[in-house]
Amino acid sequence: GLRDASAISVASASVMIKTDGNVCTDSLIVVGAVAPIPTISEKASKFLNGCKLKEFENNGSILNEVGDEAVKDTLPIDDIRGSAMFRRNIVSVITRRAVLSAVLRAKESLKK
């Protein structure tokens, strides 16, 4: 049926990592809906480079740091979908989740 409202993201994050063995050699983190256009988080991407995949196991502090770095590259606004502060919090959370997901996929590919 017809929708009463639009389904628009408050924030989004996407992560790509390249590895050499167990080490992240290159990464790209893009956050969306927290700046005029989707934005590459240079700070968060650089933070991941050189990290060992096993560093992410049961290590909330490294994920928190990546999330914090991603927030530094955003320019969120207040609007009807959420405040700027809410968007910053969400960017941190979804970036951490996206990084962890990418790391787990990379580790799985090493097993093949």
PDB file of N, CA and C in Angstrom:
ATOM      1  N   GLY A   1       0.801  -1.171   0.000  1.00  0.00           N
ATOM      2  CA  GLY A   1       0.000   0.000   0.000  1.00  0.00           C
ATOM      3  C   GLY A   1       0.859   1.257   0.000  1.00  0.00           C
ATOM      4  N   LEU A   2       0.200   2.355   0.084  1.00  0.00           N
ATOM      5  CA  LEU A   2       0.877   3.644   0.124  1.00  0.00           C
ATOM      6  C   LEU A   2       1.433   3.921   1.507  1.00  0.00           C
ATOM      7  N   ARG A   3       2.577   4.556   1.546  1.00  0.00           N
ATOM      8  CA  ARG A   3       3.194   4.931   2.820  1.00  0.00           C
ATOM      9  C   ARG A   3       2.678   6.287   3.258  1.00  0.00           C
ATOM     10  N   ASP A   4       2.627   6.461   4.577  1.00  0.00           N
ATOM     11  CA  ASP A   4       2.255   7.757   5.124  1.00  0.00           C
ATOM     12  C   ASP A   4       3.459   8.683   5.250  1.00  0.00           C
ATOM     13  N   ALA A   5       4.660   8.114   5.226  1.00  0.00           N
ATOM     14  CA  ALA A   5       5.873   8.916   5.406  1.00  0.00           C
ATOM     15  C   ALA A   5       7.006   8.298   4.594  1.00  0.00           C
ATOM     16  N   SER A   6       8.074   9.028   4.463  1.00  0.00           N
ATOM     17  CA  SER A   6       9.255   8.533   3.762  1.00  0.00           C
ATOM     18  C   SER A   6      10.110   7.698   4.698  1.00  0.00           C
ATOM     19  N   ALA A   7      10.781   6.708   4.140  1.00  0.00           N
ATOM     20  CA  ALA A   7      11.735   5.910   4.904  1.00  0.00           C
ATOM     21  C   ALA A   7      13.129   6.438   4.575  1.00  0.00           C
ATOM     22  N   ILE A   8      13.624   7.350   5.394  1.00  0.00           N
ATOM     23  CA  ILE A   8      14.913   7.990   5.151  1.00  0.00           C
ATOM     24  C   ILE A   8      15.814   7.736   6.356  1.00  0.00           C
ATOM     25  N   SER A   9      17.047   7.352   6.099  1.00  0.00           N
ATOM     26  CA  SER A   9      17.987   7.062   7.183  1.00  0.00           C
ATOM     27  C   SER A   9      18.335   8.312   7.977  1.00  0.00           C
ATOM     28  N   VAL A  10      18.477   8.118   9.281  1.00  0.00           N
ATOM     29  CA  VAL A  10      18.979   9.179  10.154  1.00  0.00           C
ATOM     30  C   VAL A  10      20.487   9.281   9.977  1.00  0.00           C
ATOM     31  N   ALA A  11      21.119   8.136   9.749  1.00  0.00           N
ATOM     32  CA  ALA A  11      22.562   8.072   9.519  1.00  0.00           C
ATOM     33  C   ALA A  11      22.874   6.699   8.934  1.00  0.00           C
ATOM     34  N   SER A  12      24.003   6.598   8.255  1.00  0.00           N
ATOM     35  CA  SER A  12      24.426   5.319   7.699  1.00  0.00           C
ATOM     36  C   SER A  12      25.948   5.244   7.721  1.00  0.00           C
ATOM     37  N   ALA A  13      26.453   4.020   7.632  1.00  0.00           N
ATOM     38  CA  ALA A  13      27.902   3.816   7.586  1.00  0.00           C
ATOM     39  C   ALA A  13      28.198   2.586   6.740  1.00  0.00           C
ATOM     40  N   SER A  14      29.278   2.654   6.006  1.00  0.00           N
ATOM     41  CA  SER A  14      29.732   1.542   5.195  1.00  0.00           C
ATOM     42  C   SER A  14      31.246   1.420   5.367  1.00  0.00           C
ATOM     43  N   VAL A  15      31.719   0.187   5.445  1.00  0.00           N
ATOM     44  CA  VAL A  15      33.145  -0.041   5.708  1.00  0.00           C
ATOM     45  C   VAL A  15      33.706  -1.058   4.722  1.00  0.00           C
ATOM     46  N   MET A  16      34.877  -0.761   4.172  1.00  0.00           N
ATOM     47  CA  MET A  16      35.624  -1.679   3.333  1.00  0.00           C
ATOM     48  C   MET A  16      37.017  -1.785   3.939  1.00  0.00           C
ATOM     49  N   ILE A  17      37.481  -3.006   4.116  1.00  0.00           N
ATOM     50  CA  ILE A  17      38.863  -3.182   4.572  1.00  0.00           C
ATOM     51  C   ILE A  17      39.578  -4.164   3.646  1.00  0.00           C
ATOM     52  N   LYS A  18      40.857  -3.916   3.452  1.00  0.00           N
ATOM     53  CA  LYS A  18      41.731  -4.836   2.735  1.00  0.00           C
ATOM     54  C   LYS A  18      42.737  -5.339   3.749  1.00  0.00           C
ATOM     55  N   THR A  19      43.068  -6.605   3.613  1.00  0.00           N
ATOM     56  CA  THR A  19      44.004  -7.190   4.571  1.00  0.00           C
ATOM     57  C   THR A  19      45.153  -7.878   3.856  1.00  0.00           C
ATOM     58  N   ASP A  20      46.241  -7.977   4.572  1.00  0.00           N
ATOM     59  CA  ASP A  20      47.369  -8.805   4.176  1.00  0.00           C
ATOM     60  C   ASP A  20      47.572  -9.733   5.356  1.00  0.00           C
ATOM     61  N   GLY A  21      47.086 -10.946   5.196  1.00  0.00           N
ATOM     62  CA  GLY A  21      47.098 -11.848   6.338  1.00  0.00           C
ATOM     63  C   GLY A  21      46.132 -11.343   7.390  1.00  0.00           C
ATOM     64  N   ASN A  22      46.633 -11.129   8.576  1.00  0.00           N
ATOM     65  CA  ASN A  22      45.811 -10.727   9.716  1.00  0.00           C
ATOM     66  C   ASN A  22      45.884  -9.222   9.987  1.00  0.00           C
ATOM     67  N   VAL A  23      46.420  -8.440   9.040  1.00  0.00           N
ATOM     68  CA  VAL A  23      46.606  -7.005   9.257  1.00  0.00           C
ATOM     69  C   VAL A  23      45.784  -6.211   8.243  1.00  0.00           C
ATOM     70  N   CYS A  24      45.103  -5.193   8.729  1.00  0.00           N
ATOM     71  CA  CYS A  24      44.357  -4.285   7.854  1.00  0.00           C
ATOM     72  C   CYS A  24      45.365  -3.368   7.166  1.00  0.00           C
ATOM     73  N   THR A  25      45.432  -3.451   5.842  1.00  0.00           N
ATOM     74  CA  THR A  25      46.393  -2.640   5.090  1.00  0.00           C
ATOM     75  C   THR A  25      45.758  -1.406   4.461  1.00  0.00           C
ATOM     76  N   ASP A  26      44.447  -1.447   4.270  1.00  0.00           N
ATOM     77  CA  ASP A  26      43.747  -0.305   3.685  1.00  0.00           C
ATOM     78  C   ASP A  26      42.293  -0.367   4.129  1.00  0.00           C
ATOM     79  N   SER A  27      41.690   0.778   4.304  1.00  0.00           N
ATOM     80  CA  SER A  27      40.289   0.804   4.714  1.00  0.00           C
ATOM     81  C   SER A  27      39.615   2.058   4.189  1.00  0.00           C
ATOM     82  N   LEU A  28      38.312   1.975   4.116  1.00  0.00           N
ATOM     83  CA  LEU A  28      37.502   3.108   3.697  1.00  0.00           C
ATOM     84  C   LEU A  28      36.218   3.069   4.512  1.00  0.00           C
ATOM     85  N   ILE A  29      35.951   4.141   5.219  1.00  0.00           N
ATOM     86  CA  ILE A  29      34.725   4.261   5.998  1.00  0.00           C
ATOM     87  C   ILE A  29      33.966   5.465   5.464  1.00  0.00           C
ATOM     88  N   VAL A  30      32.731   5.225   5.059  1.00  0.00           N
ATOM     89  CA  VAL A  30      31.877   6.289   4.535  1.00  0.00           C
ATOM     90  C   VAL A  30      30.654   6.405   5.431  1.00  0.00           C
ATOM     91  N   VAL A  31      30.340   7.628   5.834  1.00  0.00           N
ATOM     92  CA  VAL A  31      29.147   7.875   6.645  1.00  0.00           C
ATOM     93  C   VAL A  31      28.187   8.733   5.833  1.00  0.00           C
ATOM     94  N   GLY A  32      26.907   8.461   6.013  1.00  0.00           N
ATOM     95  CA  GLY A  32      25.903   9.187   5.253  1.00  0.00           C
ATOM     96  C   GLY A  32      24.848   9.818   6.143  1.00  0.00           C
ATOM     97  N   ALA A  33      24.178  10.807   5.605  1.00  0.00           N
ATOM     98  CA  ALA A  33      23.087  11.541   6.266  1.00  0.00           C
ATOM     99  C   ALA A  33      23.565  12.359   7.462  1.00  0.00           C
ATOM    100  N   VAL A  34      24.856  12.619   7.532  1.00  0.00           N
ATOM    101  CA  VAL A  34      25.404  13.436   8.625  1.00  0.00           C
ATOM    102  C   VAL A  34      26.290  14.561   8.084  1.00  0.00           C
ATOM    103  N   ALA A  35      26.107  14.855   6.824  1.00  0.00           N
ATOM    104  CA  ALA A  35      26.788  15.948   6.128  1.00  0.00           C
ATOM    105  C   ALA A  35      25.985  16.171   4.849  1.00  0.00           C
ATOM    106  N   PRO A  36      26.269  17.236   4.127  1.00  0.00           N
ATOM    107  CA  PRO A  36      25.490  17.485   2.908  1.00  0.00           C
ATOM    108  C   PRO A  36      25.522  16.329   1.899  1.00  0.00           C
ATOM    109  N   ILE A  37      26.625  15.586   1.851  1.00  0.00           N
ATOM    110  CA  ILE A  37      26.746  14.423   0.969  1.00  0.00           C
ATOM    111  C   ILE A  37      27.413  13.304   1.757  1.00  0.00           C
ATOM    112  N   PRO A  38      27.309  12.029   1.295  1.00  0.00           N
ATOM    113  CA  PRO A  38      28.053  10.964   1.968  1.00  0.00           C
ATOM    114  C   PRO A  38      29.528  11.354   2.049  1.00  0.00           C
ATOM    115  N   THR A  39      30.125  11.082   3.193  1.00  0.00           N
ATOM    116  CA  THR A  39      31.462  11.584   3.481  1.00  0.00           C
ATOM    117  C   THR A  39      32.416  10.455   3.849  1.00  0.00           C
ATOM    118  N   ILE A  40      33.585  10.462   3.232  1.00  0.00           N
ATOM    119  CA  ILE A  40      34.635   9.522   3.633  1.00  0.00           C
ATOM    120  C   ILE A  40      35.208  10.014   4.949  1.00  0.00           C
ATOM    121  N   SER A  41      35.223   9.134   5.934  1.00  0.00           N
ATOM    122  CA  SER A  41      35.820   9.480   7.219  1.00  0.00           C
ATOM    123  C   SER A  41      37.309   9.155   7.153  1.00  0.00           C
ATOM    124  N   GLU A  42      38.091  10.159   6.784  1.00  0.00           N
ATOM    125  CA  GLU A  42      39.541   9.976   6.665  1.00  0.00           C
ATOM    126  C   GLU A  42      40.151   9.561   8.003  1.00  0.00           C
ATOM    127  N   LYS A  43      39.707  10.201   9.082  1.00  0.00           N
ATOM    128  CA  LYS A  43      40.276   9.913  10.401  1.00  0.00           C
ATOM    129  C   LYS A  43      40.038   8.463  10.809  1.00  0.00           C
ATOM    130  N   ALA A  44      38.807   7.994  10.662  1.00  0.00           N
ATOM    131  CA  ALA A  44      38.491   6.620  11.057  1.00  0.00           C
ATOM    132  C   ALA A  44      39.171   5.619  10.129  1.00  0.00           C
ATOM    133  N   SER A  45      39.201   5.929   8.835  1.00  0.00           N
ATOM    134  CA  SER A  45      39.844   5.024   7.879  1.00  0.00           C
ATOM    135  C   SER A  45      41.328   4.869   8.191  1.00  0.00           C
ATOM    136  N   LYS A  46      42.002   5.978   8.441  1.00  0.00           N
ATOM    137  CA  LYS A  46      43.432   5.923   8.769  1.00  0.00           C
ATOM    138  C   LYS A  46      43.675   5.182  10.079  1.00  0.00           C
ATOM    139  N   PHE A  47      42.755   5.324  11.020  1.00  0.00           N
ATOM    140  CA  PHE A  47      42.905   4.665  12.318  1.00  0.00           C
ATOM    141  C   PHE A  47      42.968   3.147  12.159  1.00  0.00           C
ATOM    142  N   LEU A  48      42.195   2.601  11.223  1.00  0.00           N
ATOM    143  CA  LEU A  48      42.155   1.145  11.042  1.00  0.00           C
ATOM    144  C   LEU A  48      43.414   0.589  10.398  1.00  0.00           C
ATOM    145  N   ASN A  49      44.058   1.386   9.541  1.00  0.00           N
ATOM    146  CA  ASN A  49      45.224   0.888   8.814  1.00  0.00           C
ATOM    147  C   ASN A  49      46.334   0.496   9.777  1.00  0.00           C
ATOM    148  N   GLY A  50      46.810  -0.729   9.603  1.00  0.00           N
ATOM    149  CA  GLY A  50      47.865  -1.243  10.466  1.00  0.00           C
ATOM    150  C   GLY A  50      47.353  -2.048  11.646  1.00  0.00           C
ATOM    151  N   CYS A  51      46.061  -2.006  11.900  1.00  0.00           N
ATOM    152  CA  CYS A  51      45.495  -2.783  13.012  1.00  0.00           C
ATOM    153  C   CYS A  51      45.455  -4.262  12.648  1.00  0.00           C
ATOM    154  N   LYS A  52      45.696  -5.100  13.627  1.00  0.00           N
ATOM    155  CA  LYS A  52      45.570  -6.540  13.440  1.00  0.00           C
ATOM    156  C   LYS A  52      44.117  -6.929  13.694  1.00  0.00           C
ATOM    157  N   LEU A  53      43.606  -7.848  12.885  1.00  0.00           N
ATOM    158  CA  LEU A  53      42.207  -8.244  13.004  1.00  0.00           C
ATOM    159  C   LEU A  53      41.890  -8.789  14.389  1.00  0.00           C
ATOM    160  N   LYS A  54      42.844  -9.483  14.995  1.00  0.00           N
ATOM    161  CA  LYS A  54      42.572 -10.055  16.319  1.00  0.00           C
ATOM    162  C   LYS A  54      42.430  -8.976  17.395  1.00  0.00           C
ATOM    163  N   GLU A  55      42.904  -7.752  17.108  1.00  0.00           N
ATOM    164  CA  GLU A  55      42.756  -6.660  18.068  1.00  0.00           C
ATOM    165  C   GLU A  55      41.292  -6.310  18.306  1.00  0.00           C
ATOM    166  N   PHE A  56      40.416  -6.684  17.380  1.00  0.00           N
ATOM    167  CA  PHE A  56      39.004  -6.332  17.487  1.00  0.00           C
ATOM    168  C   PHE A  56      38.205  -7.339  18.304  1.00  0.00           C
ATOM    169  N   GLU A  57      38.804  -8.503  18.581  1.00  0.00           N
ATOM    170  CA  GLU A  57      38.105  -9.521  19.356  1.00  0.00           C
ATOM    171  C   GLU A  57      37.946  -9.053  20.795  1.00  0.00           C
ATOM    172  N   ASN A  58      36.720  -8.992  21.229  1.00  0.00           N
ATOM    173  CA  ASN A  58      36.415  -8.609  22.616  1.00  0.00           C
ATOM    174  C   ASN A  58      37.125  -7.327  23.031  1.00  0.00           C
ATOM    175  N   ASN A  59      37.277  -6.409  22.093  1.00  0.00           N
ATOM    176  CA  ASN A  59      37.988  -5.173  22.403  1.00  0.00           C
ATOM    177  C   ASN A  59      37.108  -3.983  22.051  1.00  0.00           C
ATOM    178  N   GLY A  60      36.266  -3.613  22.986  1.00  0.00           N
ATOM    179  CA  GLY A  60      35.375  -2.494  22.755  1.00  0.00           C
ATOM    180  C   GLY A  60      36.103  -1.176  22.621  1.00  0.00           C
ATOM    181  N   SER A  61      37.272  -1.043  23.247  1.00  0.00           N
ATOM    182  CA  SER A  61      37.949   0.259  23.228  1.00  0.00           C
ATOM    183  C   SER A  61      38.425   0.635  21.829  1.00  0.00           C
ATOM    184  N   ILE A  62      38.941  -0.309  21.064  1.00  0.00           N
ATOM    185  CA  ILE A  62      39.401   0.025  19.713  1.00  0.00           C
ATOM    186  C   ILE A  62      38.202   0.374  18.825  1.00  0.00           C
ATOM    187  N   LEU A  63      37.089  -0.329  18.998  1.00  0.00           N
ATOM    188  CA  LEU A  63      35.884  -0.005  18.233  1.00  0.00           C
ATOM    189  C   LEU A  63      35.341   1.360  18.637  1.00  0.00           C
ATOM    190  N   ASN A  64      35.390   1.662  19.929  1.00  0.00           N
ATOM    191  CA  ASN A  64      34.949   2.984  20.390  1.00  0.00           C
ATOM    192  C   ASN A  64      35.792   4.087  19.767  1.00  0.00           C
ATOM    193  N   GLU A  65      37.101   3.858  19.678  1.00  0.00           N
ATOM    194  CA  GLU A  65      37.986   4.865  19.081  1.00  0.00           C
ATOM    195  C   GLU A  65      37.663   5.087  17.605  1.00  0.00           C
ATOM    196  N   VAL A  66      37.388   4.003  16.884  1.00  0.00           N
ATOM    197  CA  VAL A  66      37.025   4.131  15.469  1.00  0.00           C
ATOM    198  C   VAL A  66      35.728   4.922  15.336  1.00  0.00           C
ATOM    199  N   GLY A  67      34.743   4.605  16.178  1.00  0.00           N
ATOM    200  CA  GLY A  67      33.479   5.340  16.157  1.00  0.00           C
ATOM    201  C   GLY A  67      33.674   6.810  16.458  1.00  0.00           C
ATOM    202  N   ASP A  68      34.511   7.101  17.443  1.00  0.00           N
ATOM    203  CA  ASP A  68      34.793   8.499  17.798  1.00  0.00           C
ATOM    204  C   ASP A  68      35.474   9.240  16.653  1.00  0.00           C
ATOM    205  N   GLU A  69      36.392   8.563  15.966  1.00  0.00           N
ATOM    206  CA  GLU A  69      37.078   9.188  14.833  1.00  0.00           C
ATOM    207  C   GLU A  69      36.098   9.474  13.692  1.00  0.00           C
ATOM    208  N   ALA A  70      35.163   8.572  13.456  1.00  0.00           N
ATOM    209  CA  ALA A  70      34.174   8.792  12.394  1.00  0.00           C
ATOM    210  C   ALA A  70      33.315  10.017  12.694  1.00  0.00           C
ATOM    211  N   VAL A  71      32.955  10.194  13.947  1.00  0.00           N
ATOM    212  CA  VAL A  71      32.123  11.340  14.337  1.00  0.00           C
ATOM    213  C   VAL A  71      32.831  12.654  14.031  1.00  0.00           C
ATOM    214  N   LYS A  72      34.155  12.682  14.158  1.00  0.00           N
ATOM    215  CA  LYS A  72      34.916  13.915  13.924  1.00  0.00           C
ATOM    216  C   LYS A  72      34.807  14.407  12.482  1.00  0.00           C
ATOM    217  N   ASP A  73      34.465  13.508  11.563  1.00  0.00           N
ATOM    218  CA  ASP A  73      34.361  13.879  10.153  1.00  0.00           C
ATOM    219  C   ASP A  73      32.930  14.205   9.724  1.00  0.00           C
ATOM    220  N   THR A  74      32.031  14.385  10.677  1.00  0.00           N
ATOM    221  CA  THR A  74      30.636  14.649  10.327  1.00  0.00           C
ATOM    222  C   THR A  74      30.246  16.099  10.592  1.00  0.00           C
ATOM    223  N   LEU A  75      29.209  16.528   9.913  1.00  0.00           N
ATOM    224  CA  LEU A  75      28.618  17.858  10.105  1.00  0.00           C
ATOM    225  C   LEU A  75      27.098  17.696  10.196  1.00  0.00           C
ATOM    226  N   PRO A  76      26.625  16.965  11.211  1.00  0.00           N
ATOM    227  CA  PRO A  76      25.183  16.692  11.270  1.00  0.00           C
ATOM    228  C   PRO A  76      24.363  17.943  11.579  1.00  0.00           C
ATOM    229  N   ILE A  77      23.113  17.884  11.157  1.00  0.00           N
ATOM    230  CA  ILE A  77      22.189  18.985  11.409  1.00  0.00           C
ATOM    231  C   ILE A  77      21.017  18.478  12.245  1.00  0.00           C
ATOM    232  N   ASP A  78      20.315  19.400  12.858  1.00  0.00           N
ATOM    233  CA  ASP A  78      19.055  19.083  13.516  1.00  0.00           C
ATOM    234  C   ASP A  78      17.964  19.112  12.453  1.00  0.00           C
ATOM    235  N   ASP A  79      17.123  18.095  12.431  1.00  0.00           N
ATOM    236  CA  ASP A  79      15.937  18.144  11.587  1.00  0.00           C
ATOM    237  C   ASP A  79      14.854  17.277  12.207  1.00  0.00           C
ATOM    238  N   ILE A  80      13.790  17.074  11.488  1.00  0.00           N
ATOM    239  CA  ILE A  80      12.636  16.366  12.038  1.00  0.00           C
ATOM    240  C   ILE A  80      12.953  14.912  12.380  1.00  0.00           C
ATOM    241  N   ARG A  81      13.957  14.323  11.711  1.00  0.00           N
ATOM    242  CA  ARG A  81      14.305  12.921  11.958  1.00  0.00           C
ATOM    243  C   ARG A  81      15.220  12.736  13.151  1.00  0.00           C
ATOM    244  N   GLY A  82      15.930  13.774  13.564  1.00  0.00           N
ATOM    245  CA  GLY A  82      16.823  13.634  14.707  1.00  0.00           C
ATOM    246  C   GLY A  82      17.711  14.842  14.890  1.00  0.00           C
ATOM    247  N   SER A  83      18.151  15.022  16.117  1.00  0.00           N
ATOM    248  CA  SER A  83      19.043  16.140  16.429  1.00  0.00           C
ATOM    249  C   SER A  83      20.466  15.823  15.975  1.00  0.00           C
ATOM    250  N   ALA A  84      21.283  16.843  15.895  1.00  0.00           N
ATOM    251  CA  ALA A  84      22.690  16.659  15.529  1.00  0.00           C
ATOM    252  C   ALA A  84      23.389  15.758  16.544  1.00  0.00           C
ATOM    253  N   MET A  85      23.090  15.942  17.829  1.00  0.00           N
ATOM    254  CA  MET A  85      23.714  15.112  18.859  1.00  0.00           C
ATOM    255  C   MET A  85      23.299  13.648  18.693  1.00  0.00           C
ATOM    256  N   PHE A  86      22.021  13.407  18.421  1.00  0.00           N
ATOM    257  CA  PHE A  86      21.540  12.043  18.194  1.00  0.00           C
ATOM    258  C   PHE A  86      22.267  11.419  17.008  1.00  0.00           C
ATOM    259  N   ARG A  87      22.408  12.174  15.927  1.00  0.00           N
ATOM    260  CA  ARG A  87      23.094  11.659  14.739  1.00  0.00           C
ATOM    261  C   ARG A  87      24.560  11.327  15.034  1.00  0.00           C
ATOM    262  N   ARG A  88      25.231  12.169  15.822  1.00  0.00           N
ATOM    263  CA  ARG A  88      26.628  11.871  16.186  1.00  0.00           C
ATOM    264  C   ARG A  88      26.699  10.559  16.970  1.00  0.00           C
ATOM    265  N   ASN A  89      25.789  10.376  17.904  1.00  0.00           N
ATOM    266  CA  ASN A  89      25.771   9.128  18.678  1.00  0.00           C
ATOM    267  C   ASN A  89      25.517   7.930  17.775  1.00  0.00           C
ATOM    268  N   ILE A  90      24.563   8.076  16.865  1.00  0.00           N
ATOM    269  CA  ILE A  90      24.235   6.975  15.956  1.00  0.00           C
ATOM    270  C   ILE A  90      25.405   6.660  15.029  1.00  0.00           C
ATOM    271  N   VAL A  91      26.084   7.682  14.524  1.00  0.00           N
ATOM    272  CA  VAL A  91      27.242   7.450  13.649  1.00  0.00           C
ATOM    273  C   VAL A  91      28.299   6.633  14.374  1.00  0.00           C
ATOM    274  N   SER A  92      28.557   6.948  15.614  1.00  0.00           N
ATOM    275  CA  SER A  92      29.544   6.197  16.383  1.00  0.00           C
ATOM    276  C   SER A  92      29.132   4.732  16.501  1.00  0.00           C
ATOM    277  N   VAL A  93      27.885   4.497  16.846  1.00  0.00           N
ATOM    278  CA  VAL A  93      27.392   3.127  17.034  1.00  0.00           C
ATOM    279  C   VAL A  93      27.409   2.345  15.723  1.00  0.00           C
ATOM    280  N   ILE A  94      26.848   2.920  14.662  1.00  0.00           N
ATOM    281  CA  ILE A  94      26.768   2.144  13.418  1.00  0.00           C
ATOM    282  C   ILE A  94      28.130   1.978  12.753  1.00  0.00           C
ATOM    283  N   THR A  95      29.039   2.912  12.979  1.00  0.00           N
ATOM    284  CA  THR A  95      30.398   2.735  12.461  1.00  0.00           C
ATOM    285  C   THR A  95      31.072   1.575  13.174  1.00  0.00           C
ATOM    286  N   ARG A  96      30.935   1.508  14.488  1.00  0.00           N
ATOM    287  CA  ARG A  96      31.516   0.383  15.236  1.00  0.00           C
ATOM    288  C   ARG A  96      30.954  -0.940  14.728  1.00  0.00           C
ATOM    289  N   ARG A  97      29.646  -0.997  14.537  1.00  0.00           N
ATOM    290  CA  ARG A  97      29.015  -2.232  14.062  1.00  0.00           C
ATOM    291  C   ARG A  97      29.487  -2.591  12.659  1.00  0.00           C
ATOM    292  N   ALA A  98      29.593  -1.604  11.784  1.00  0.00           N
ATOM    293  CA  ALA A  98      30.030  -1.858  10.412  1.00  0.00           C
ATOM    294  C   ALA A  98      31.486  -2.322  10.373  1.00  0.00           C
ATOM    295  N   VAL A  99      32.331  -1.722  11.200  1.00  0.00           N
ATOM    296  CA  VAL A  99      33.741  -2.143  11.271  1.00  0.00           C
ATOM    297  C   VAL A  99      33.825  -3.576  11.774  1.00  0.00           C
ATOM    298  N   LEU A 100      33.111  -3.886  12.836  1.00  0.00           N
ATOM    299  CA  LEU A 100      33.144  -5.243  13.378  1.00  0.00           C
ATOM    300  C   LEU A 100      32.653  -6.247  12.335  1.00  0.00           C
ATOM    301  N   SER A 101      31.606  -5.911  11.619  1.00  0.00           N
ATOM    302  CA  SER A 101      31.092  -6.787  10.571  1.00  0.00           C
ATOM    303  C   SER A 101      32.138  -7.001   9.476  1.00  0.00           C
ATOM    304  N   ALA A 102      32.811  -5.939   9.054  1.00  0.00           N
ATOM    305  CA  ALA A 102      33.851  -6.051   8.026  1.00  0.00           C
ATOM    306  C   ALA A 102      35.023  -6.896   8.514  1.00  0.00           C
ATOM    307  N   VAL A 103      35.402  -6.712   9.763  1.00  0.00           N
ATOM    308  CA  VAL A 103      36.508  -7.494  10.336  1.00  0.00           C
ATOM    309  C   VAL A 103      36.137  -8.973  10.388  1.00  0.00           C
ATOM    310  N   LEU A 104      34.922  -9.272  10.819  1.00  0.00           N
ATOM    311  CA  LEU A 104      34.491 -10.670  10.890  1.00  0.00           C
ATOM    312  C   LEU A 104      34.450 -11.307   9.504  1.00  0.00           C
ATOM    313  N   ARG A 105      34.001 -10.560   8.497  1.00  0.00           N
ATOM    314  CA  ARG A 105      33.999 -11.085   7.127  1.00  0.00           C
ATOM    315  C   ARG A 105      35.429 -11.323   6.642  1.00  0.00           C
ATOM    316  N   ALA A 106      36.328 -10.415   6.961  1.00  0.00           N
ATOM    317  CA  ALA A 106      37.730 -10.575   6.556  1.00  0.00           C
ATOM    318  C   ALA A 106      38.341 -11.802   7.219  1.00  0.00           C
ATOM    319  N   LYS A 107      38.042 -11.996   8.488  1.00  0.00           N
ATOM    320  CA  LYS A 107      38.578 -13.165   9.195  1.00  0.00           C
ATOM    321  C   LYS A 107      38.032 -14.459   8.610  1.00  0.00           C
ATOM    322  N   GLU A 108      36.757 -14.453   8.227  1.00  0.00           N
ATOM    323  CA  GLU A 108      36.164 -15.639   7.604  1.00  0.00           C
ATOM    324  C   GLU A 108      36.843 -15.948   6.276  1.00  0.00           C
ATOM    325  N   SER A 109      37.163 -14.913   5.509  1.00  0.00           N
ATOM    326  CA  SER A 109      37.797 -15.141   4.208  1.00  0.00           C
ATOM    327  C   SER A 109      39.211 -15.700   4.374  1.00  0.00           C
ATOM    328  N   LEU A 110      39.854 -15.416   5.502  1.00  0.00           N
ATOM    329  CA  LEU A 110      41.190 -15.964   5.757  1.00  0.00           C
ATOM    330  C   LEU A 110      41.139 -17.468   5.999  1.00  0.00           C
ATOM    331  N   LYS A 111      40.005 -17.961   6.472  1.00  0.00           N
ATOM    332  CA  LYS A 111      39.859 -19.386   6.777  1.00  0.00           C
ATOM    333  C   LYS A 111      39.675 -20.224   5.523  1.00  0.00           C
ATOM    334  N   LYS A 112      39.301 -19.580   4.412  1.00  0.00           N
ATOM    335  CA  LYS A 112      39.008 -20.329   3.177  1.00  0.00           C
ATOM    336  C   LYS A 112      40.252 -20.677   2.429  1.00  0.00           C
TER     337      LYS A 112
END
